[in-house]
Amino acid sequence: MQVSGFPQQQREAITGDVVAKFGKSGPRPDRAVVVATQVIEQSLNLDFDLVISDIAPISLLIQRLGRCMRFSVDENGRPIRRPLWSQGHPTLVVLDPVNLDSDVPTPPEWDSVYPSFEVAATHQVLVERPPELAVPGDVDGAVQQVHDAQASGVPAKLRALWDEQYGEKRAQAQLARMAAIEPAETITDLSRLTDPEVSDLDVSTRLGVDTARLVPRYASADGQHWLDAEHNVKWPSARPGETEVEQFINASITCPRAWAEAEGLQTNPKWSRTPMLRDAFILPAPEYGRLVVDERLGLVRRKKGTP
């Protein structure tokens, strides 16, 4: 099973609930566990008693550590209560499956999230240094150590991962230069603006931005279409105006484009003159092919052969 995301309005509601419980305003629940993606490390002002994270580049781990015991008092100046097991200081537990002695040192599923070199180098730094990190005094040195693949004593496997990452970045930079629009003062032939040397597909595939927007469309027993599972908001049938566009965007879910293409999802011709929707796919909901819109998990893609 693969999980993508939630409709925008549902994501905003979930975010608001988490911020209300774990932000500075409180009140904080007596017991709770929040499971989140890496978006939580920077964009939300949250405070937890303990943070547990899969290994990631060290700069991001430090960001996540900043979500542990972030505040000493709430917005009313009252001390924030901490459980006895919290040890009285911010703690980040790092789950680390990296094995530099393996032919595949990092989980291959992670390659699309973080460069293997940065994850493996972070592993090496965490193994070598004491478990305590002074902020900000130790931060710069730890980050620099992760990115110094040329230092003495760096394992051969780590150097190989650095070479691979460096080559990929060079290839991406070259592709970007080929696809970039030339400065106006250097253009002598206007055909260059409409005849690029690489296609949009080349760029999106190589640079990892190949995503799609899906708009779930629910059907009732009488054949009517709805924007929500409760059948409270009717599916706008005419060319969408400003209000309808907002409704569609709020109900939409982003996912890898390959998911939409594999299921043969279609765009709506009536949206062709609406920039925010012209590339959006309609997803018959709550279930179509391998795609399922789940209330708790968001958009789920089931494994092949799963009923």
Protein backbone atom coordinates (compact mmCIF):
# COMPACT_ATOMS: atom_id res chain seq x y z
CA MET A 1 0.00 0.00 0.00
CA GLN A 2 1.21 3.50 -0.89
CA VAL A 3 -0.20 6.68 0.67
CA SER A 4 -0.22 10.11 -1.00
CA GLY A 5 -2.14 12.91 0.68
CA PHE A 6 -5.43 14.33 1.89
CA PRO A 7 -7.86 16.70 0.17
CA GLN A 8 -6.67 20.23 0.88
CA GLN A 9 -9.58 21.17 3.13
CA GLN A 10 -9.14 17.98 5.19
CA ARG A 11 -5.39 18.57 5.45
CA GLU A 12 -6.03 22.10 6.76
CA ALA A 13 -8.48 20.77 9.35
CA ILE A 14 -5.99 18.14 10.55
CA THR A 15 -3.21 20.74 10.72
CA GLY A 16 -5.41 23.12 12.71
CA ASP A 17 -6.26 20.38 15.20
CA VAL A 18 -2.57 19.44 15.71
CA VAL A 19 -1.53 23.08 16.16
CA ALA A 20 -4.34 23.66 18.66
CA LYS A 21 -3.19 20.72 20.79
CA PHE A 22 0.59 21.02 20.47
CA GLY A 23 1.15 24.69 19.77
CA LYS A 24 1.82 27.34 22.36
CA SER A 25 -1.84 28.02 23.08
CA GLY A 26 -2.79 24.56 24.42
CA PRO A 27 -4.44 22.97 26.29
CA ARG A 28 -2.17 19.96 25.73
CA PRO A 29 -3.64 16.44 25.86
CA ASP A 30 -2.49 14.14 28.67
CA ARG A 31 -1.53 11.41 26.16
CA ALA A 32 -1.20 11.59 22.40
CA VAL A 33 0.93 10.38 19.50
CA VAL A 34 1.25 12.41 16.30
CA VAL A 35 2.43 10.60 13.14
CA ALA A 36 3.51 13.06 10.46
CA THR A 37 5.60 13.49 7.33
CA GLN A 38 8.66 15.73 7.14
CA VAL A 39 6.44 18.78 6.51
CA ILE A 40 6.11 19.07 10.28
CA GLU A 41 9.80 19.88 10.74
CA GLN A 42 9.66 23.45 9.40
CA SER A 43 6.22 24.76 8.64
CA LEU A 44 4.44 24.29 11.97
CA ASN A 45 5.23 25.83 15.36
CA LEU A 46 4.77 22.75 17.51
CA ASP A 47 6.07 21.42 20.83
CA PHE A 48 6.35 17.71 21.73
CA ASP A 49 7.75 15.93 24.78
CA LEU A 50 9.65 13.45 22.58
CA VAL A 51 10.36 13.24 18.84
CA ILE A 52 11.08 9.93 17.04
CA SER A 53 12.32 10.15 13.45
CA ASP A 54 13.69 7.98 10.68
CA ILE A 55 17.21 9.06 9.82
CA ALA A 56 17.43 12.01 7.42
CA PRO A 57 20.10 14.55 6.43
CA ILE A 58 21.46 15.98 9.66
CA SER A 59 20.23 19.52 9.00
CA LEU A 60 16.67 18.17 8.89
CA LEU A 61 17.16 16.09 12.03
CA ILE A 62 18.21 19.27 13.82
CA GLN A 63 15.03 20.95 12.56
CA ARG A 64 13.00 18.08 13.97
CA LEU A 65 14.83 18.29 17.29
CA GLY A 66 13.60 21.89 17.39
CA ARG A 67 10.04 20.55 17.71
CA CYS A 68 10.88 18.87 21.02
CA MET A 69 10.32 20.95 24.17
CA ARG A 70 10.20 24.05 22.01
CA PHE A 71 8.50 26.18 24.66
CA SER A 72 9.04 26.48 28.38
CA VAL A 73 5.78 28.37 29.00
CA ASP A 74 2.47 28.65 27.15
CA GLU A 75 1.06 31.87 25.71
CA ASN A 76 -0.31 32.79 29.15
CA GLY A 77 3.12 32.46 30.78
CA ARG A 78 2.31 29.23 32.59
CA PRO A 79 5.00 26.50 32.66
CA ILE A 80 4.28 23.64 30.26
CA ARG A 81 3.87 20.36 32.15
CA ARG A 82 6.21 17.58 31.05
CA PRO A 83 5.92 13.84 31.86
CA LEU A 84 8.53 12.39 34.21
CA TRP A 85 9.93 10.12 31.48
CA SER A 86 10.86 13.11 29.30
CA GLN A 87 14.21 13.49 31.16
CA GLY A 88 13.92 17.27 31.30
CA HIS A 89 15.77 18.01 28.06
CA PRO A 90 14.85 17.81 24.32
CA THR A 91 15.39 14.30 22.95
CA LEU A 92 15.30 13.08 19.36
CA VAL A 93 15.31 9.30 18.85
CA VAL A 94 16.72 8.45 15.39
CA LEU A 95 15.73 5.16 13.75
CA ASP A 96 18.77 4.26 11.65
CA PRO A 97 18.71 1.29 9.21
CA VAL A 98 21.82 2.45 7.28
CA ASN A 99 24.50 -0.21 6.78
CA LEU A 100 27.63 0.96 4.95
CA ASP A 101 28.80 -2.66 4.63
CA SER A 102 25.77 -3.54 2.52
CA ASP A 103 25.60 -3.35 -1.28
CA VAL A 104 22.52 -1.17 -0.75
CA PRO A 105 23.46 0.94 2.30
CA THR A 106 20.17 2.89 2.50
CA PRO A 107 16.60 1.65 1.88
CA PRO A 108 16.01 2.03 -1.90
CA GLU A 109 12.51 3.38 -1.21
CA TRP A 110 14.12 6.46 0.35
CA ASP A 111 16.08 7.47 -2.75
CA SER A 112 13.23 9.64 -4.02
CA VAL A 113 13.06 11.51 -0.69
CA TYR A 114 16.69 12.23 0.28
CA PRO A 115 20.04 11.66 -1.47
CA SER A 116 21.56 8.37 -0.30
CA PHE A 117 24.89 10.07 0.35
CA GLU A 118 23.46 12.63 2.78
CA VAL A 119 21.56 9.95 4.71
CA ALA A 120 24.59 7.62 4.85
CA ALA A 121 26.93 10.48 5.79
CA THR A 122 24.57 11.51 8.58
CA HIS A 123 24.63 7.92 9.82
CA GLN A 124 28.43 8.02 9.91
CA VAL A 125 28.49 11.31 11.82
CA LEU A 126 25.94 10.09 14.37
CA VAL A 127 27.94 6.91 14.94
CA GLU A 128 31.17 8.84 15.51
CA ARG A 129 29.96 11.73 17.68
CA PRO A 130 28.57 11.80 21.24
CA PRO A 131 24.77 11.58 21.51
CA GLU A 132 24.50 15.13 22.89
CA LEU A 133 24.28 18.11 20.53
CA ALA A 134 24.74 21.67 21.78
CA VAL A 135 22.59 24.14 19.84
CA PRO A 136 23.78 26.29 18.19
CA GLY A 137 27.44 25.59 19.05
CA ASP A 138 27.72 22.08 17.55
CA VAL A 139 25.34 22.58 14.62
CA ASP A 140 27.67 24.04 12.00
CA GLY A 141 30.44 21.53 12.65
CA ALA A 142 28.06 18.55 12.41
CA VAL A 143 26.51 19.81 9.16
CA GLN A 144 29.92 20.52 7.61
CA GLN A 145 31.15 17.07 8.60
CA VAL A 146 28.22 15.43 6.79
CA HIS A 147 29.05 17.19 3.54
CA ASP A 148 32.84 16.71 3.70
CA ALA A 149 33.23 13.54 1.64
CA GLN A 150 36.89 14.28 1.00
CA ALA A 151 37.97 14.18 4.65
CA SER A 152 40.40 11.53 5.76
CA GLY A 153 38.86 8.33 7.10
CA VAL A 154 35.66 8.57 5.05
CA PRO A 155 34.57 5.00 4.12
CA ALA A 156 34.88 4.02 0.45
CA LYS A 157 31.15 3.29 0.20
CA LEU A 158 30.40 6.82 1.37
CA ARG A 159 32.76 8.32 -1.21
CA ALA A 160 31.04 6.26 -3.91
CA LEU A 161 27.62 7.61 -2.86
CA TRP A 162 29.01 11.14 -2.95
CA ASP A 163 30.34 10.60 -6.50
CA GLU A 164 26.92 9.32 -7.55
CA GLN A 165 25.13 12.32 -6.05
CA TYR A 166 27.63 14.77 -7.54
CA GLY A 167 27.16 13.24 -11.00
CA GLU A 168 23.39 13.43 -10.72
CA LYS A 169 23.50 17.08 -9.68
CA ARG A 170 25.79 17.90 -12.60
CA ALA A 171 23.37 16.16 -14.97
CA GLN A 172 20.41 18.07 -13.52
CA ALA A 173 22.25 21.38 -13.81
CA GLN A 174 23.06 20.66 -17.45
CA LEU A 175 19.44 19.74 -18.16
CA ALA A 176 18.26 22.93 -16.44
CA ARG A 177 20.58 25.05 -18.59
CA MET A 178 19.20 23.39 -21.74
CA ALA A 179 15.57 23.94 -20.69
CA ALA A 180 15.95 27.48 -19.33
CA ILE A 181 14.53 30.47 -21.20
CA GLU A 182 17.33 32.56 -22.61
CA PRO A 183 17.80 36.16 -21.41
CA ALA A 184 15.87 38.56 -23.66
CA GLU A 185 18.99 40.43 -24.72
CA THR A 186 20.58 37.27 -26.14
CA ILE A 187 17.64 36.00 -28.21
CA THR A 188 18.09 36.43 -31.96
CA ASP A 189 15.51 33.86 -33.06
CA LEU A 190 12.04 33.77 -31.45
CA SER A 191 11.61 30.12 -32.41
CA ARG A 192 13.98 29.30 -29.55
CA LEU A 193 11.19 30.18 -27.12
CA THR A 194 8.88 27.47 -28.47
CA ASP A 195 11.36 24.83 -29.58
CA PRO A 196 13.25 23.69 -26.46
CA GLU A 197 15.94 21.02 -26.68
CA VAL A 198 14.24 18.99 -23.95
CA SER A 199 10.59 18.21 -23.29
CA ASP A 200 8.54 18.95 -20.19
CA LEU A 201 8.42 15.19 -19.61
CA ASP A 202 12.23 15.01 -19.61
CA VAL A 203 12.47 17.76 -17.02
CA SER A 204 9.68 16.49 -14.75
CA THR A 205 11.00 12.93 -14.77
CA ARG A 206 14.63 13.82 -14.16
CA LEU A 207 14.00 16.46 -11.51
CA GLY A 208 11.34 14.56 -9.59
CA VAL A 209 8.42 16.99 -9.99
CA ASP A 210 6.13 14.61 -11.87
CA THR A 211 2.98 15.14 -9.78
CA ALA A 212 -0.70 15.39 -10.58
CA ARG A 213 -3.78 16.94 -8.98
CA LEU A 214 -6.79 14.64 -8.56
CA VAL A 215 -10.32 15.85 -7.84
CA PRO A 216 -12.45 13.08 -6.27
CA ARG A 217 -15.97 12.81 -7.73
CA TYR A 218 -18.53 10.86 -5.70
CA ALA A 219 -21.71 9.38 -7.18
CA SER A 220 -25.02 8.81 -5.43
CA ALA A 221 -27.48 6.01 -6.22
CA ASP A 222 -29.55 8.31 -8.45
CA GLY A 223 -26.53 9.06 -10.67
CA GLN A 224 -25.80 12.57 -9.39
CA HIS A 225 -22.20 13.63 -8.80
CA TRP A 226 -20.85 15.25 -5.64
CA LEU A 227 -17.64 16.85 -4.40
CA ASP A 228 -17.79 15.20 -0.99
CA ALA A 229 -18.42 11.73 0.38
CA GLU A 230 -21.42 12.96 2.40
CA HIS A 231 -23.14 14.25 -0.79
CA ASN A 232 -23.59 17.75 0.57
CA VAL A 233 -21.82 19.70 -2.20
CA LYS A 234 -22.98 19.07 -5.76
CA TRP A 235 -20.38 18.64 -8.48
CA PRO A 236 -20.42 21.85 -10.56
CA SER A 237 -21.36 20.83 -14.11
CA ALA A 238 -20.76 24.12 -15.96
CA ARG A 239 -17.46 25.82 -16.65
CA PRO A 240 -16.20 26.69 -13.14
CA GLY A 241 -16.25 30.23 -11.86
CA GLU A 242 -14.17 31.58 -8.98
CA THR A 243 -16.29 29.89 -6.29
CA GLU A 244 -16.32 26.54 -8.08
CA VAL A 245 -12.55 26.65 -8.69
CA GLU A 246 -12.00 27.17 -4.97
CA GLN A 247 -14.29 24.22 -4.20
CA PHE A 248 -12.40 21.96 -6.61
CA ILE A 249 -9.00 22.98 -5.23
CA ASN A 250 -10.14 22.43 -1.63
CA ALA A 251 -11.33 18.94 -2.53
CA SER A 252 -8.25 18.03 -4.60
CA ILE A 253 -5.42 15.65 -3.72
CA THR A 254 -1.88 15.66 -5.14
CA CYS A 255 -0.11 12.41 -6.00
CA PRO A 256 2.53 11.02 -8.39
CA ARG A 257 1.37 11.52 -11.99
CA ALA A 258 2.14 7.87 -12.69
CA TRP A 259 -0.75 6.88 -10.41
CA ALA A 260 -3.24 8.87 -12.48
CA GLU A 261 -1.86 7.64 -15.78
CA ALA A 262 -1.79 3.99 -14.68
CA GLU A 263 -5.54 4.12 -13.90
CA GLY A 264 -6.37 5.98 -17.12
CA LEU A 265 -7.86 8.98 -15.32
CA GLN A 266 -9.12 11.80 -17.54
CA THR A 267 -9.10 15.59 -17.36
CA ASN A 268 -12.28 17.64 -17.83
CA PRO A 269 -12.58 19.50 -21.19
CA LYS A 270 -14.66 22.17 -19.43
CA TRP A 271 -11.59 23.03 -17.34
CA SER A 272 -9.28 23.59 -20.30
CA ARG A 273 -9.50 27.40 -19.99
CA THR A 274 -9.05 27.39 -16.22
CA PRO A 275 -5.29 27.41 -15.45
CA MET A 276 -5.59 25.93 -11.94
CA LEU A 277 -7.67 22.98 -13.16
CA ARG A 278 -6.75 22.32 -16.78
CA ASP A 279 -4.27 19.58 -15.82
CA ALA A 280 -6.35 18.13 -12.97
CA PHE A 281 -7.67 14.58 -13.26
CA ILE A 282 -11.14 13.41 -12.20
CA LEU A 283 -11.00 10.49 -9.76
CA PRO A 284 -14.21 8.44 -9.41
CA ALA A 285 -14.42 8.11 -5.63
CA PRO A 286 -14.16 6.65 -3.11
CA GLU A 287 -12.55 3.79 -5.05
CA TYR A 288 -11.28 3.42 -8.60
CA GLY A 289 -8.87 0.74 -9.74
CA ARG A 290 -6.04 0.63 -7.21
CA LEU A 291 -6.79 4.12 -5.85
CA VAL A 292 -8.88 4.58 -2.72
CA VAL A 293 -9.78 7.83 -0.92
CA ASP A 294 -9.58 6.83 2.73
CA GLU A 295 -10.93 9.15 5.43
CA ARG A 296 -8.04 8.38 7.82
CA LEU A 297 -5.14 7.83 5.41
CA GLY A 298 -5.93 10.10 2.49
CA LEU A 299 -5.30 8.80 -1.03
CA VAL A 300 -4.13 5.18 -0.91
CA ARG A 301 -2.74 3.11 -3.77
CA ARG A 302 -3.20 -0.60 -3.13
CA LYS A 303 -0.65 -3.17 -4.20
CA LYS A 304 -1.31 -5.11 -7.39
CA GLY A 305 -3.51 -8.09 -6.77
CA THR A 306 -4.99 -6.67 -3.55
CA PRO A 307 -8.79 -6.92 -3.56
